[in-house]
């Protein structure tokens, strides 16, 4: 998937309220930052190389009132979760209440905001 092309196919000329990078790839991070709307938030969740650099203009952050947040998942938690799923202790089908294709992200967002489901997910390929 080409990040910029994928984001550009949505009719969001002002950008998105929240952009989450889950890749850690510098090109994806740069593209994601460009798609944050004024007053929006960029979440860096993907793990980049320790020496990776992304140039950001402080005035741009100030002027657009962008919030940039980092989030790190603890590796040992993933190993334990995978083990629990693999051993049948946890069942993802029971946890996930709603699945939507990417084209229905607005419906998925409304379902999530309603609080009625346990876990709403958006599938990139339907």
PDB file of N, CA and C in Angstrom:
ATOM      1  N   UNK A   1       0.847  -1.166   0.000  1.00  0.00           N
ATOM      2  CA  UNK A   1       0.000   0.000   0.000  1.00  0.00           C
ATOM      3  C   UNK A   1       0.896   1.234   0.000  1.00  0.00           C
ATOM      4  N   UNK A   2       0.625   2.168  -0.858  1.00  0.00           N
ATOM      5  CA  UNK A   2       1.359   3.431  -0.908  1.00  0.00           C
ATOM      6  C   UNK A   2       0.658   4.412   0.024  1.00  0.00           C
ATOM      7  N   UNK A   3       1.337   4.822   1.081  1.00  0.00           N
ATOM      8  CA  UNK A   3       0.726   5.607   2.144  1.00  0.00           C
ATOM      9  C   UNK A   3       0.063   6.880   1.642  1.00  0.00           C
ATOM     10  N   UNK A   4       0.795   7.697   0.910  1.00  0.00           N
ATOM     11  CA  UNK A   4       0.249   8.982   0.465  1.00  0.00           C
ATOM     12  C   UNK A   4      -0.938   8.776  -0.455  1.00  0.00           C
ATOM     13  N   UNK A   5      -0.841   7.832  -1.364  1.00  0.00           N
ATOM     14  CA  UNK A   5      -1.955   7.560  -2.271  1.00  0.00           C
ATOM     15  C   UNK A   5      -3.161   7.080  -1.494  1.00  0.00           C
ATOM     16  N   UNK A   6      -2.952   6.194  -0.534  1.00  0.00           N
ATOM     17  CA  UNK A   6      -4.054   5.652   0.246  1.00  0.00           C
ATOM     18  C   UNK A   6      -4.760   6.742   1.038  1.00  0.00           C
ATOM     19  N   UNK A   7      -4.018   7.627   1.676  1.00  0.00           N
ATOM     20  CA  UNK A   7      -4.620   8.700   2.456  1.00  0.00           C
ATOM     21  C   UNK A   7      -5.308   9.712   1.553  1.00  0.00           C
ATOM     22  N   UNK A   8      -4.722   9.974   0.387  1.00  0.00           N
ATOM     23  CA  UNK A   8      -5.290  10.961  -0.532  1.00  0.00           C
ATOM     24  C   UNK A   8      -6.605  10.511  -1.151  1.00  0.00           C
ATOM     25  N   UNK A   9      -6.902   9.216  -1.138  1.00  0.00           N
ATOM     26  CA  UNK A   9      -8.132   8.758  -1.771  1.00  0.00           C
ATOM     27  C   UNK A   9      -9.373   9.091  -0.938  1.00  0.00           C
ATOM     28  N   UNK A  10      -9.182   9.511   0.313  1.00  0.00           N
ATOM     29  CA  UNK A  10     -10.309   9.940   1.131  1.00  0.00           C
ATOM     30  C   UNK A  10     -10.541  11.421   0.892  1.00  0.00           C
ATOM     31  N   UNK A  11     -11.784  11.825   0.908  1.00  0.00           N
ATOM     32  CA  UNK A  11     -12.126  13.219   0.671  1.00  0.00           C
ATOM     33  C   UNK A  11     -11.985  13.995   1.983  1.00  0.00           C
ATOM     34  N   UNK A  12     -10.746  14.242   2.381  1.00  0.00           N
ATOM     35  CA  UNK A  12     -10.458  14.956   3.625  1.00  0.00           C
ATOM     36  C   UNK A  12      -9.447  16.066   3.333  1.00  0.00           C
ATOM     37  N   UNK A  13      -9.861  17.126   2.648  1.00  0.00           N
ATOM     38  CA  UNK A  13      -8.902  18.159   2.249  1.00  0.00           C
ATOM     39  C   UNK A  13      -8.211  18.845   3.429  1.00  0.00           C
ATOM     40  N   UNK A  14      -8.838  18.878   4.595  1.00  0.00           N
ATOM     41  CA  UNK A  14      -8.213  19.515   5.763  1.00  0.00           C
ATOM     42  C   UNK A  14      -7.349  18.539   6.543  1.00  0.00           C
ATOM     43  N   UNK A  15      -7.440  17.256   6.231  1.00  0.00           N
ATOM     44  CA  UNK A  15      -6.665  16.253   6.956  1.00  0.00           C
ATOM     45  C   UNK A  15      -7.542  15.449   7.894  1.00  0.00           C
ATOM     46  N   UNK A  16      -6.892  14.741   8.806  1.00  0.00           N
ATOM     47  CA  UNK A  16      -7.583  13.852   9.730  1.00  0.00           C
ATOM     48  C   UNK A  16      -7.381  14.317  11.168  1.00  0.00           C
ATOM     49  N   UNK A  17      -8.375  14.098  12.013  1.00  0.00           N
ATOM     50  CA  UNK A  17      -8.272  14.453  13.434  1.00  0.00           C
ATOM     51  C   UNK A  17      -7.116  13.723  14.100  1.00  0.00           C
ATOM     52  N   UNK A  18      -6.994  12.441  13.796  1.00  0.00           N
ATOM     53  CA  UNK A  18      -5.950  11.608  14.388  1.00  0.00           C
ATOM     54  C   UNK A  18      -5.281  10.802  13.286  1.00  0.00           C
ATOM     55  N   UNK A  19      -3.961  10.816  13.269  1.00  0.00           N
ATOM     56  CA  UNK A  19      -3.185   9.987  12.350  1.00  0.00           C
ATOM     57  C   UNK A  19      -2.273   9.119  13.213  1.00  0.00           C
ATOM     58  N   UNK A  20      -2.306   7.810  12.966  1.00  0.00           N
ATOM     59  CA  UNK A  20      -1.486   6.872  13.734  1.00  0.00           C
ATOM     60  C   UNK A  20      -0.521   6.182  12.792  1.00  0.00           C
ATOM     61  N   UNK A  21       0.768   6.317  13.080  1.00  0.00           N
ATOM     62  CA  UNK A  21       1.756   5.564  12.310  1.00  0.00           C
ATOM     63  C   UNK A  21       2.076   4.290  13.074  1.00  0.00           C
ATOM     64  N   UNK A  22       1.817   3.165  12.436  1.00  0.00           N
ATOM     65  CA  UNK A  22       2.109   1.859  13.036  1.00  0.00           C
ATOM     66  C   UNK A  22       3.279   1.184  12.346  1.00  0.00           C
ATOM     67  N   UNK A  23       3.951   1.893  11.437  1.00  0.00           N
ATOM     68  CA  UNK A  23       5.004   1.277  10.631  1.00  0.00           C
ATOM     69  C   UNK A  23       6.403   1.547  11.155  1.00  0.00           C
ATOM     70  N   UNK A  24       6.643   2.754  11.628  1.00  0.00           N
ATOM     71  CA  UNK A  24       7.994   3.145  12.002  1.00  0.00           C
ATOM     72  C   UNK A  24       8.857   3.513  10.810  1.00  0.00           C
ATOM     73  N   UNK A  25       8.271   3.536   9.620  1.00  0.00           N
ATOM     74  CA  UNK A  25       8.995   3.859   8.389  1.00  0.00           C
ATOM     75  C   UNK A  25       8.994   5.380   8.216  1.00  0.00           C
ATOM     76  N   UNK A  26      10.174   5.962   8.029  1.00  0.00           N
ATOM     77  CA  UNK A  26      10.307   7.417   7.950  1.00  0.00           C
ATOM     78  C   UNK A  26       9.384   8.014   6.889  1.00  0.00           C
ATOM     79  N   UNK A  27       9.312   7.420   5.707  1.00  0.00           N
ATOM     80  CA  UNK A  27       8.443   7.951   4.643  1.00  0.00           C
ATOM     81  C   UNK A  27       6.979   7.951   5.081  1.00  0.00           C
ATOM     82  N   UNK A  28       6.562   6.917   5.793  1.00  0.00           N
ATOM     83  CA  UNK A  28       5.176   6.842   6.270  1.00  0.00           C
ATOM     84  C   UNK A  28       4.923   7.877   7.363  1.00  0.00           C
ATOM     85  N   UNK A  29       5.902   8.090   8.220  1.00  0.00           N
ATOM     86  CA  UNK A  29       5.770   9.090   9.278  1.00  0.00           C
ATOM     87  C   UNK A  29       5.625  10.481   8.667  1.00  0.00           C
ATOM     88  N   UNK A  30       6.481  10.801   7.693  1.00  0.00           N
ATOM     89  CA  UNK A  30       6.394  12.104   7.013  1.00  0.00           C
ATOM     90  C   UNK A  30       5.031  12.280   6.350  1.00  0.00           C
ATOM     91  N   UNK A  31       4.578  11.254   5.645  1.00  0.00           N
ATOM     92  CA  UNK A  31       3.277  11.327   4.967  1.00  0.00           C
ATOM     93  C   UNK A  31       2.158  11.484   5.987  1.00  0.00           C
ATOM     94  N   UNK A  32       2.249  10.755   7.082  1.00  0.00           N
ATOM     95  CA  UNK A  32       1.222  10.844   8.117  1.00  0.00           C
ATOM     96  C   UNK A  32       1.141  12.224   8.730  1.00  0.00           C
ATOM     97  N   UNK A  33       2.288  12.809   9.021  1.00  0.00           N
ATOM     98  CA  UNK A  33       2.305  14.153   9.600  1.00  0.00           C
ATOM     99  C   UNK A  33       1.638  15.169   8.680  1.00  0.00           C
ATOM    100  N   UNK A  34       1.823  15.017   7.372  1.00  0.00           N
ATOM    101  CA  UNK A  34       1.227  15.949   6.407  1.00  0.00           C
ATOM    102  C   UNK A  34      -0.296  15.856   6.387  1.00  0.00           C
ATOM    103  N   UNK A  35      -0.842  14.743   6.866  1.00  0.00           N
ATOM    104  CA  UNK A  35      -2.289  14.529   6.804  1.00  0.00           C
ATOM    105  C   UNK A  35      -3.012  14.837   8.116  1.00  0.00           C
ATOM    106  N   UNK A  36      -2.299  15.415   9.100  1.00  0.00           N
ATOM    107  CA  UNK A  36      -2.942  15.798  10.359  1.00  0.00           C
ATOM    108  C   UNK A  36      -3.606  17.153  10.174  1.00  0.00           C
ATOM    109  N   UNK A  37      -4.882  17.251  10.528  1.00  0.00           N
ATOM    110  CA  UNK A  37      -5.592  18.515  10.372  1.00  0.00           C
ATOM    111  C   UNK A  37      -5.201  19.486  11.489  1.00  0.00           C
ATOM    112  N   UNK A  38      -5.447  20.782  11.304  1.00  0.00           N
ATOM    113  CA  UNK A  38      -5.173  21.742  12.367  1.00  0.00           C
ATOM    114  C   UNK A  38      -5.893  21.328  13.653  1.00  0.00           C
ATOM    115  N   UNK A  39      -5.152  21.333  14.755  1.00  0.00           N
ATOM    116  CA  UNK A  39      -5.721  20.921  16.033  1.00  0.00           C
ATOM    117  C   UNK A  39      -5.729  19.416  16.235  1.00  0.00           C
ATOM    118  N   UNK A  40      -5.194  18.672  15.266  1.00  0.00           N
ATOM    119  CA  UNK A  40      -5.219  17.211  15.318  1.00  0.00           C
ATOM    120  C   UNK A  40      -4.052  16.615  16.089  1.00  0.00           C
ATOM    121  N   UNK A  41      -4.043  15.294  16.115  1.00  0.00           N
ATOM    122  CA  UNK A  41      -3.028  14.549  16.861  1.00  0.00           C
ATOM    123  C   UNK A  41      -2.353  13.520  15.972  1.00  0.00           C
ATOM    124  N   UNK A  42      -1.044  13.419  16.114  1.00  0.00           N
ATOM    125  CA  UNK A  42      -0.269  12.383  15.432  1.00  0.00           C
ATOM    126  C   UNK A  42       0.275  11.452  16.502  1.00  0.00           C
ATOM    127  N   UNK A  43      -0.024  10.159  16.378  1.00  0.00           N
ATOM    128  CA  UNK A  43       0.465   9.160  17.324  1.00  0.00           C
ATOM    129  C   UNK A  43       1.518   8.297  16.656  1.00  0.00           C
ATOM    130  N   UNK A  44       2.719   8.300  17.224  1.00  0.00           N
ATOM    131  CA  UNK A  44       3.797   7.451  16.719  1.00  0.00           C
ATOM    132  C   UNK A  44       3.806   6.170  17.534  1.00  0.00           C
ATOM    133  N   UNK A  45       3.279   5.106  16.949  1.00  0.00           N
ATOM    134  CA  UNK A  45       3.200   3.806  17.614  1.00  0.00           C
ATOM    135  C   UNK A  45       4.202   2.825  17.025  1.00  0.00           C
ATOM    136  N   UNK A  46       4.458   2.958  15.710  1.00  0.00           N
ATOM    137  CA  UNK A  46       5.406   2.065  15.047  1.00  0.00           C
ATOM    138  C   UNK A  46       6.827   2.313  15.530  1.00  0.00           C
ATOM    139  N   UNK A  47       7.612   1.257  15.555  1.00  0.00           N
ATOM    140  CA  UNK A  47       8.992   1.345  16.034  1.00  0.00           C
ATOM    141  C   UNK A  47       9.921   1.653  14.864  1.00  0.00           C
ATOM    142  N   UNK A  48      10.565   2.806  14.921  1.00  0.00           N
ATOM    143  CA  UNK A  48      11.535   3.193  13.892  1.00  0.00           C
ATOM    144  C   UNK A  48      12.929   2.737  14.322  1.00  0.00           C
ATOM    145  N   UNK A  49      13.851   2.689  13.362  1.00  0.00           N
ATOM    146  CA  UNK A  49      15.250   2.417  13.701  1.00  0.00           C
ATOM    147  C   UNK A  49      15.726   3.471  14.689  1.00  0.00           C
ATOM    148  N   UNK A  50      16.624   3.100  15.586  1.00  0.00           N
ATOM    149  CA  UNK A  50      17.074   4.032  16.622  1.00  0.00           C
ATOM    150  C   UNK A  50      17.763   5.270  16.048  1.00  0.00           C
ATOM    151  N   UNK A  51      18.276   5.180  14.831  1.00  0.00           N
ATOM    152  CA  UNK A  51      18.949   6.335  14.238  1.00  0.00           C
ATOM    153  C   UNK A  51      18.101   7.041  13.170  1.00  0.00           C
ATOM    154  N   UNK A  52      16.844   6.656  13.040  1.00  0.00           N
ATOM    155  CA  UNK A  52      15.954   7.291  12.052  1.00  0.00           C
ATOM    156  C   UNK A  52      15.659   8.728  12.480  1.00  0.00           C
ATOM    157  N   UNK A  53      15.535   9.610  11.496  1.00  0.00           N
ATOM    158  CA  UNK A  53      15.259  11.015  11.784  1.00  0.00           C
ATOM    159  C   UNK A  53      14.163  11.530  10.854  1.00  0.00           C
ATOM    160  N   UNK A  54      13.279  12.335  11.419  1.00  0.00           N
ATOM    161  CA  UNK A  54      12.231  13.007  10.657  1.00  0.00           C
ATOM    162  C   UNK A  54      12.334  14.487  11.005  1.00  0.00           C
ATOM    163  N   UNK A  55      12.494  15.318   9.992  1.00  0.00           N
ATOM    164  CA  UNK A  55      12.613  16.758  10.219  1.00  0.00           C
ATOM    165  C   UNK A  55      11.223  17.357  10.398  1.00  0.00           C
ATOM    166  N   UNK A  56      11.069  18.105  11.483  1.00  0.00           N
ATOM    167  CA  UNK A  56       9.792  18.761  11.776  1.00  0.00           C
ATOM    168  C   UNK A  56      10.076  20.230  12.060  1.00  0.00           C
ATOM    169  N   UNK A  57       9.284  21.108  11.469  1.00  0.00           N
ATOM    170  CA  UNK A  57       9.429  22.539  11.697  1.00  0.00           C
ATOM    171  C   UNK A  57       8.594  22.933  12.919  1.00  0.00           C
ATOM    172  N   UNK A  58       9.224  23.441  13.979  1.00  0.00           N
ATOM    173  CA  UNK A  58       8.480  23.817  15.180  1.00  0.00           C
ATOM    174  C   UNK A  58       7.346  24.809  14.908  1.00  0.00           C
ATOM    175  N   UNK A  59       7.559  25.747  13.973  1.00  0.00           N
ATOM    176  CA  UNK A  59       6.499  26.709  13.669  1.00  0.00           C
ATOM    177  C   UNK A  59       5.275  26.002  13.113  1.00  0.00           C
ATOM    178  N   UNK A  60       5.481  24.961  12.312  1.00  0.00           N
ATOM    179  CA  UNK A  60       4.370  24.191  11.743  1.00  0.00           C
ATOM    180  C   UNK A  60       3.531  23.575  12.863  1.00  0.00           C
ATOM    181  N   UNK A  61       4.191  22.997  13.881  1.00  0.00           N
ATOM    182  CA  UNK A  61       3.471  22.407  15.016  1.00  0.00           C
ATOM    183  C   UNK A  61       2.687  23.494  15.748  1.00  0.00           C
ATOM    184  N   UNK A  62       3.338  24.616  16.004  1.00  0.00           N
ATOM    185  CA  UNK A  62       2.705  25.741  16.688  1.00  0.00           C
ATOM    186  C   UNK A  62       1.521  26.276  15.891  1.00  0.00           C
ATOM    187  N   UNK A  63       1.756  26.553  14.618  1.00  0.00           N
ATOM    188  CA  UNK A  63       0.751  27.185  13.775  1.00  0.00           C
ATOM    189  C   UNK A  63      -0.480  26.298  13.573  1.00  0.00           C
ATOM    190  N   UNK A  64      -0.288  25.003  13.404  1.00  0.00           N
ATOM    191  CA  UNK A  64      -1.408  24.081  13.197  1.00  0.00           C
ATOM    192  C   UNK A  64      -1.937  23.500  14.510  1.00  0.00           C
ATOM    193  N   UNK A  65      -1.280  23.848  15.621  1.00  0.00           N
ATOM    194  CA  UNK A  65      -1.676  23.348  16.946  1.00  0.00           C
ATOM    195  C   UNK A  65      -1.755  21.819  16.960  1.00  0.00           C
ATOM    196  N   UNK A  66      -0.697  21.194  16.442  1.00  0.00           N
ATOM    197  CA  UNK A  66      -0.618  19.739  16.343  1.00  0.00           C
ATOM    198  C   UNK A  66      -0.096  19.155  17.656  1.00  0.00           C
ATOM    199  N   UNK A  67      -0.682  18.064  18.073  1.00  0.00           N
ATOM    200  CA  UNK A  67      -0.186  17.306  19.217  1.00  0.00           C
ATOM    201  C   UNK A  67       0.509  16.063  18.681  1.00  0.00           C
ATOM    202  N   UNK A  68       1.744  15.845  19.102  1.00  0.00           N
ATOM    203  CA  UNK A  68       2.491  14.657  18.685  1.00  0.00           C
ATOM    204  C   UNK A  68       2.727  13.803  19.925  1.00  0.00           C
ATOM    205  N   UNK A  69       2.284  12.546  19.843  1.00  0.00           N
ATOM    206  CA  UNK A  69       2.345  11.645  20.989  1.00  0.00           C
ATOM    207  C   UNK A  69       3.092  10.379  20.600  1.00  0.00           C
ATOM    208  N   UNK A  70       3.914   9.890  21.491  1.00  0.00           N
ATOM    209  CA  UNK A  70       4.577   8.606  21.292  1.00  0.00           C
ATOM    210  C   UNK A  70       3.957   7.566  22.205  1.00  0.00           C
ATOM    211  N   UNK A  71       3.902   6.334  21.737  1.00  0.00           N
ATOM    212  CA  UNK A  71       3.352   5.253  22.547  1.00  0.00           C
ATOM    213  C   UNK A  71       4.170   3.996  22.306  1.00  0.00           C
ATOM    214  N   UNK A  72       4.606   3.367  23.384  1.00  0.00           N
ATOM    215  CA  UNK A  72       5.423   2.168  23.262  1.00  0.00           C
ATOM    216  C   UNK A  72       4.686   0.992  23.896  1.00  0.00           C
ATOM    217  N   UNK A  73       4.577  -0.083  23.149  1.00  0.00           N
ATOM    218  CA  UNK A  73       3.995  -1.306  23.691  1.00  0.00           C
ATOM    219  C   UNK A  73       5.134  -2.144  24.262  1.00  0.00           C
ATOM    220  N   UNK A  74       4.901  -2.737  25.377  1.00  0.00           N
ATOM    221  CA  UNK A  74       5.932  -3.535  26.026  1.00  0.00           C
ATOM    222  C   UNK A  74       5.997  -4.912  25.373  1.00  0.00           C
ATOM    223  N   UNK A  75       7.174  -5.282  24.912  1.00  0.00           N
ATOM    224  CA  UNK A  75       7.369  -6.512  24.155  1.00  0.00           C
ATOM    225  C   UNK A  75       6.910  -7.758  24.895  1.00  0.00           C
ATOM    226  N   UNK A  76       7.211  -7.864  26.191  1.00  0.00           N
ATOM    227  CA  UNK A  76       6.836  -9.094  26.899  1.00  0.00           C
ATOM    228  C   UNK A  76       5.323  -9.277  26.983  1.00  0.00           C
ATOM    229  N   UNK A  77       4.564  -8.200  26.899  1.00  0.00           N
ATOM    230  CA  UNK A  77       3.103  -8.310  26.894  1.00  0.00           C
ATOM    231  C   UNK A  77       2.621  -8.990  25.622  1.00  0.00           C
ATOM    232  N   UNK A  78       3.258  -8.677  24.489  1.00  0.00           N
ATOM    233  CA  UNK A  78       2.874  -9.304  23.227  1.00  0.00           C
ATOM    234  C   UNK A  78       3.138 -10.798  23.255  1.00  0.00           C
ATOM    235  N   UNK A  79       4.310 -11.177  23.758  1.00  0.00           N
ATOM    236  CA  UNK A  79       4.646 -12.601  23.824  1.00  0.00           C
ATOM    237  C   UNK A  79       3.622 -13.365  24.651  1.00  0.00           C
ATOM    238  N   UNK A  80       3.249 -12.811  25.778  1.00  0.00           N
ATOM    239  CA  UNK A  80       2.265 -13.460  26.657  1.00  0.00           C
ATOM    240  C   UNK A  80       0.902 -13.522  25.981  1.00  0.00           C
ATOM    241  N   UNK A  81       0.491 -12.447  25.319  1.00  0.00           N
ATOM    242  CA  UNK A  81      -0.801 -12.437  24.632  1.00  0.00           C
ATOM    243  C   UNK A  81      -0.832 -13.464  23.510  1.00  0.00           C
ATOM    244  N   UNK A  82       0.226 -13.535  22.716  1.00  0.00           N
ATOM    245  CA  UNK A  82       0.294 -14.525  21.632  1.00  0.00           C
ATOM    246  C   UNK A  82       0.198 -15.933  22.206  1.00  0.00           C
ATOM    247  N   UNK A  83       0.881 -16.168  23.303  1.00  0.00           N
ATOM    248  CA  UNK A  83       0.839 -17.482  23.957  1.00  0.00           C
ATOM    249  C   UNK A  83      -0.587 -17.819  24.407  1.00  0.00           C
ATOM    250  N   UNK A  84      -1.279 -16.857  24.997  1.00  0.00           N
ATOM    251  CA  UNK A  84      -2.646 -17.090  25.461  1.00  0.00           C
ATOM    252  C   UNK A  84      -3.598 -17.374  24.302  1.00  0.00           C
ATOM    253  N   UNK A  85      -3.435 -16.656  23.196  1.00  0.00           N
ATOM    254  CA  UNK A  85      -4.264 -16.928  22.018  1.00  0.00           C
ATOM    255  C   UNK A  85      -3.924 -18.286  21.420  1.00  0.00           C
ATOM    256  N   UNK A  86      -2.636 -18.585  21.309  1.00  0.00           N
ATOM    257  CA  UNK A  86      -2.190 -19.850  20.711  1.00  0.00           C
ATOM    258  C   UNK A  86      -2.668 -21.056  21.513  1.00  0.00           C
ATOM    259  N   UNK A  87      -2.734 -20.913  22.828  1.00  0.00           N
ATOM    260  CA  UNK A  87      -3.157 -22.019  23.688  1.00  0.00           C
ATOM    261  C   UNK A  87      -4.666 -22.084  23.879  1.00  0.00           C
ATOM    262  N   UNK A  88      -5.399 -21.172  23.232  1.00  0.00           N
ATOM    263  CA  UNK A  88      -6.854 -21.198  23.328  1.00  0.00           C
ATOM    264  C   UNK A  88      -7.410 -20.607  24.610  1.00  0.00           C
ATOM    265  N   UNK A  89      -6.557 -19.996  25.423  1.00  0.00           N
ATOM    266  CA  UNK A  89      -7.021 -19.363  26.656  1.00  0.00           C
ATOM    267  C   UNK A  89      -7.846 -18.122  26.315  1.00  0.00           C
ATOM    268  N   UNK A  90      -7.404 -17.383  25.311  1.00  0.00           N
ATOM    269  CA  UNK A  90      -8.132 -16.213  24.820  1.00  0.00           C
ATOM    270  C   UNK A  90      -8.670 -16.501  23.427  1.00  0.00           C
ATOM    271  N   UNK A  91      -9.857 -15.975  23.140  1.00  0.00           N
ATOM    272  CA  UNK A  91     -10.493 -16.175  21.845  1.00  0.00           C
ATOM    273  C   UNK A  91     -10.800 -14.804  21.238  1.00  0.00           C
ATOM    274  N   UNK A  92     -10.091 -14.434  20.185  1.00  0.00           N
ATOM    275  CA  UNK A  92     -10.271 -13.120  19.553  1.00  0.00           C
ATOM    276  C   UNK A  92     -11.679 -12.945  19.003  1.00  0.00           C
ATOM    277  N   UNK A  93     -12.289 -14.025  18.513  1.00  0.00           N
ATOM    278  CA  UNK A  93     -13.637 -13.911  17.950  1.00  0.00           C
ATOM    279  C   UNK A  93     -14.648 -13.435  18.986  1.00  0.00           C
ATOM    280  N   UNK A  94     -14.453 -13.812  20.232  1.00  0.00           N
ATOM    281  CA  UNK A  94     -15.351 -13.383  21.301  1.00  0.00           C
ATOM    282  C   UNK A  94     -15.093 -11.921  21.665  1.00  0.00           C
ATOM    283  N   UNK A  95     -13.836 -11.500  21.566  1.00  0.00           N
ATOM    284  CA  UNK A  95     -13.466 -10.134  21.939  1.00  0.00           C
ATOM    285  C   UNK A  95     -13.914  -9.109  20.905  1.00  0.00           C
ATOM    286  N   UNK A  96     -13.863  -9.468  19.630  1.00  0.00           N
ATOM    287  CA  UNK A  96     -14.189  -8.536  18.547  1.00  0.00           C
ATOM    288  C   UNK A  96     -15.685  -8.600  18.269  1.00  0.00           C
ATOM    289  N   UNK A  97     -16.367  -7.491  18.494  1.00  0.00           N
ATOM    290  CA  UNK A  97     -17.816  -7.470  18.310  1.00  0.00           C
ATOM    291  C   UNK A  97     -18.228  -6.970  16.931  1.00  0.00           C
ATOM    292  N   UNK A  98     -17.431  -6.088  16.333  1.00  0.00           N
ATOM    293  CA  UNK A  98     -17.801  -5.497  15.046  1.00  0.00           C
ATOM    294  C   UNK A  98     -16.592  -5.426  14.128  1.00  0.00           C
ATOM    295  N   UNK A  99     -16.798  -5.796  12.861  1.00  0.00           N
ATOM    296  CA  UNK A  99     -15.749  -5.711  11.832  1.00  0.00           C
ATOM    297  C   UNK A  99     -16.302  -4.899  10.658  1.00  0.00           C
ATOM    298  N   UNK A 100     -15.492  -3.956  10.176  1.00  0.00           N
ATOM    299  CA  UNK A 100     -15.908  -3.111   9.058  1.00  0.00           C
ATOM    300  C   UNK A 100     -14.794  -3.033   8.027  1.00  0.00           C
ATOM    301  N   UNK A 101     -15.166  -2.968   6.734  1.00  0.00           N
ATOM    302  CA  UNK A 101     -14.137  -2.708   5.721  1.00  0.00           C
ATOM    303  C   UNK A 101     -13.706  -1.242   5.830  1.00  0.00           C
ATOM    304  N   UNK A 102     -12.525  -0.930   5.332  1.00  0.00           N
ATOM    305  CA  UNK A 102     -11.986   0.420   5.419  1.00  0.00           C
ATOM    306  C   UNK A 102     -12.944   1.456   4.827  1.00  0.00           C
ATOM    307  N   UNK A 103     -13.666   1.069   3.792  1.00  0.00           N
ATOM    308  CA  UNK A 103     -14.597   1.998   3.138  1.00  0.00           C
ATOM    309  C   UNK A 103     -15.721   2.435   4.080  1.00  0.00           C
ATOM    310  N   UNK A 104     -15.958   1.702   5.165  1.00  0.00           N
ATOM    311  CA  UNK A 104     -17.022   2.035   6.118  1.00  0.00           C
ATOM    312  C   UNK A 104     -16.449   2.545   7.446  1.00  0.00           C
ATOM    313  N   UNK A 105     -15.288   3.226   7.363  1.00  0.00           N
ATOM    314  CA  UNK A 105     -14.641   3.670   8.594  1.00  0.00           C
ATOM    315  C   UNK A 105     -15.511   4.621   9.410  1.00  0.00           C
ATOM    316  N   UNK A 106     -16.342   5.447   8.747  1.00  0.00           N
ATOM    317  CA  UNK A 106     -17.205   6.372   9.486  1.00  0.00           C
ATOM    318  C   UNK A 106     -18.252   5.607  10.291  1.00  0.00           C
ATOM    319  N   UNK A 107     -18.821   4.553   9.695  1.00  0.00           N
ATOM    320  CA  UNK A 107     -19.776   3.706  10.405  1.00  0.00           C
ATOM    321  C   UNK A 107     -19.085   3.011  11.574  1.00  0.00           C
ATOM    322  N   UNK A 108     -17.859   2.540  11.339  1.00  0.00           N
ATOM    323  CA  UNK A 108     -17.088   1.880  12.400  1.00  0.00           C
ATOM    324  C   UNK A 108     -16.823   2.848  13.551  1.00  0.00           C
ATOM    325  N   UNK A 109     -16.496   4.088  13.222  1.00  0.00           N
ATOM    326  CA  UNK A 109     -16.226   5.089  14.246  1.00  0.00           C
ATOM    327  C   UNK A 109     -17.474   5.354  15.082  1.00  0.00           C
ATOM    328  N   UNK A 110     -18.621   5.443  14.432  1.00  0.00           N
ATOM    329  CA  UNK A 110     -19.878   5.648  15.157  1.00  0.00           C
ATOM    330  C   UNK A 110     -20.185   4.463  16.070  1.00  0.00           C
ATOM    331  N   UNK A 111     -19.938   3.250  15.564  1.00  0.00           N
ATOM    332  CA  UNK A 111     -20.158   2.049  16.386  1.00  0.00           C
ATOM    333  C   UNK A 111     -19.251   2.075  17.609  1.00  0.00           C
ATOM    334  N   UNK A 112     -18.002   2.469  17.403  1.00  0.00           N
ATOM    335  CA  UNK A 112     -17.053   2.558  18.516  1.00  0.00           C
ATOM    336  C   UNK A 112     -17.504   3.604  19.535  1.00  0.00           C
ATOM    337  N   UNK A 113     -17.891   4.785  19.035  1.00  0.00           N
ATOM    338  CA  UNK A 113     -18.300   5.873  19.920  1.00  0.00           C
ATOM    339  C   UNK A 113     -19.554   5.531  20.714  1.00  0.00           C
ATOM    340  N   UNK A 114     -20.406   4.674  20.160  1.00  0.00           N
ATOM    341  CA  UNK A 114     -21.647   4.313  20.851  1.00  0.00           C
ATOM    342  C   UNK A 114     -21.376   3.513  22.118  1.00  0.00           C
ATOM    343  N   UNK A 115     -20.232   2.837  22.162  1.00  0.00           N
ATOM    344  CA  UNK A 115     -19.879   2.057  23.339  1.00  0.00           C
ATOM    345  C   UNK A 115     -20.634   0.753  23.487  1.00  0.00           C
ATOM    346  N   UNK A 116     -21.421   0.388  22.488  1.00  0.00           N
ATOM    347  CA  UNK A 116     -22.234  -0.827  22.585  1.00  0.00           C
ATOM    348  C   UNK A 116     -21.419  -2.092  22.356  1.00  0.00           C
ATOM    349  N   UNK A 117     -20.408  -2.017  21.506  1.00  0.00           N
ATOM    350  CA  UNK A 117     -19.602  -3.201  21.208  1.00  0.00           C
ATOM    351  C   UNK A 117     -18.406  -3.321  22.135  1.00  0.00           C
ATOM    352  N   UNK A 118     -17.816  -4.498  22.156  1.00  0.00           N
ATOM    353  CA  UNK A 118     -16.616  -4.711  22.965  1.00  0.00           C
ATOM    354  C   UNK A 118     -15.385  -4.181  22.248  1.00  0.00           C
ATOM    355  N   UNK A 119     -15.242  -4.552  20.969  1.00  0.00           N
ATOM    356  CA  UNK A 119     -14.059  -4.163  20.193  1.00  0.00           C
ATOM    357  C   UNK A 119     -14.482  -4.011  18.741  1.00  0.00           C
ATOM    358  N   UNK A 120     -14.291  -2.832  18.186  1.00  0.00           N
ATOM    359  CA  UNK A 120     -14.612  -2.556  16.792  1.00  0.00           C
ATOM    360  C   UNK A 120     -13.307  -2.472  16.023  1.00  0.00           C
ATOM    361  N   UNK A 121     -13.203  -3.214  14.917  1.00  0.00           N
ATOM    362  CA  UNK A 121     -11.986  -3.158  14.109  1.00  0.00           C
ATOM    363  C   UNK A 121     -12.325  -2.788  12.673  1.00  0.00           C
ATOM    364  N   UNK A 122     -11.364  -2.137  12.024  1.00  0.00           N
ATOM    365  CA  UNK A 122     -11.484  -1.776  10.615  1.00  0.00           C
ATOM    366  C   UNK A 122     -10.452  -2.603   9.858  1.00  0.00           C
ATOM    367  N   UNK A 123     -10.928  -3.324   8.852  1.00  0.00           N
ATOM    368  CA  UNK A 123     -10.067  -4.204   8.065  1.00  0.00           C
ATOM    369  C   UNK A 123      -9.657  -3.498   6.780  1.00  0.00           C
ATOM    370  N   UNK A 124      -8.352  -3.347   6.523  1.00  0.00           N
ATOM    371  CA  UNK A 124      -7.899  -2.591   5.357  1.00  0.00           C
ATOM    372  C   UNK A 124      -8.308  -3.192   4.019  1.00  0.00           C
ATOM    373  N   UNK A 125      -8.516  -4.481   3.963  1.00  0.00           N
ATOM    374  CA  UNK A 125      -8.885  -5.126   2.698  1.00  0.00           C
ATOM    375  C   UNK A 125     -10.265  -5.760   2.768  1.00  0.00           C
ATOM    376  N   UNK A 126     -11.176  -5.117   3.475  1.00  0.00           N
ATOM    377  CA  UNK A 126     -12.548  -5.605   3.558  1.00  0.00           C
ATOM    378  C   UNK A 126     -12.685  -6.690   4.539  1.00  0.00           C
TER     379      UNK A 126
END
